[in-house]
Amino acid sequence: MADLATLKLRREALTSQRSSGVARVSYDGKTVDYRSVAEIDRAIEALDREIAAAEGRKLIRHVRVTATKGL
């Protein structure tokens, strides 16, 4: 597993490329081509989990479900 600083740099690279719409990300002398924005999102989520584990905390995601019956 990479150190915390490296993980954060990777996450920053993915986030900046995602917001610019580019599917090619370069970090640590490596270049990775992603097929879709969803694939980049999954990579960011995986890095978030690794960063949380390295910092000794749990990553908690909240999902709020709302429903209405008719209008």
Protein backbone atom coordinates (compact mmCIF):
# COMPACT_ATOMS: atom_id res chain seq x y z
CA MET A 1 0.00 0.00 0.00
CA ALA A 2 1.24 3.48 -0.86
CA ASP A 3 1.86 6.13 1.75
CA LEU A 4 -0.80 8.70 2.62
CA ALA A 5 0.77 11.55 0.64
CA THR A 6 0.93 9.42 -2.53
CA LEU A 7 -2.70 8.35 -2.13
CA LYS A 8 -3.80 11.97 -1.77
CA LEU A 9 -1.80 12.99 -4.85
CA ARG A 10 -3.42 10.21 -6.87
CA ARG A 11 -6.87 11.28 -5.69
CA GLU A 12 -6.15 14.90 -6.59
CA ALA A 13 -4.98 13.88 -10.08
CA LEU A 14 -8.13 11.82 -10.65
CA THR A 15 -10.42 14.56 -9.36
CA SER A 16 -8.85 17.28 -11.49
CA GLN A 17 -8.93 15.15 -14.65
CA ARG A 18 -12.51 14.09 -13.98
CA SER A 19 -13.66 17.69 -13.70
CA SER A 20 -11.88 18.58 -16.94
CA GLY A 21 -13.49 15.66 -18.80
CA VAL A 22 -10.21 13.94 -19.66
CA ALA A 23 -10.09 10.14 -19.26
CA ARG A 24 -6.27 9.90 -19.16
CA VAL A 25 -4.59 10.41 -15.78
CA SER A 26 -0.85 10.58 -15.11
CA TYR A 27 0.79 10.26 -11.68
CA ASP A 28 3.92 8.63 -10.27
CA GLY A 29 5.34 8.38 -13.80
CA LYS A 30 2.41 6.21 -14.90
CA THR A 31 -0.43 6.98 -17.27
CA VAL A 32 -3.82 5.31 -16.92
CA ASP A 33 -6.61 5.52 -19.49
CA TYR A 34 -10.13 5.20 -18.07
CA ARG A 35 -13.06 4.10 -20.23
CA SER A 36 -15.71 6.24 -18.56
CA VAL A 37 -16.42 8.81 -15.88
CA ALA A 38 -18.02 6.04 -13.82
CA GLU A 39 -14.73 4.15 -13.84
CA ILE A 40 -12.91 7.27 -12.61
CA ASP A 41 -15.55 7.66 -9.88
CA ARG A 42 -14.94 4.07 -8.73
CA ALA A 43 -11.19 4.71 -8.64
CA ILE A 44 -11.75 7.85 -6.54
CA GLU A 45 -14.00 5.90 -4.14
CA ALA A 46 -11.34 3.19 -3.80
CA LEU A 47 -8.73 5.83 -3.03
CA ASP A 48 -11.07 7.44 -0.48
CA ARG A 49 -11.32 4.08 1.31
CA GLU A 50 -7.53 3.62 1.26
CA ILE A 51 -6.97 7.17 2.56
CA ALA A 52 -9.49 6.64 5.34
CA ALA A 53 -7.82 3.36 6.34
CA ALA A 54 -4.38 5.01 6.32
CA GLU A 55 -5.71 7.78 8.57
CA GLY A 56 -7.26 5.24 10.91
CA ARG A 57 -10.87 6.15 10.30
CA LYS A 58 -13.85 4.55 8.62
CA LEU A 59 -15.42 5.97 5.52
CA ILE A 60 -19.14 6.35 6.09
CA ARG A 61 -21.46 7.00 3.19
CA HIS A 62 -24.99 8.18 3.78
CA VAL A 63 -27.81 7.41 1.41
CA ARG A 64 -31.04 9.29 1.79
CA VAL A 65 -34.10 7.79 0.17
CA THR A 66 -37.23 9.84 -0.26
CA ALA A 67 -40.47 8.81 -1.85
CA THR A 68 -43.76 10.48 -2.53
CA LYS A 69 -47.03 8.96 -3.42
CA GLY A 70 -48.50 10.85 -6.31
CA LEU A 71 -48.68 14.58 -6.63
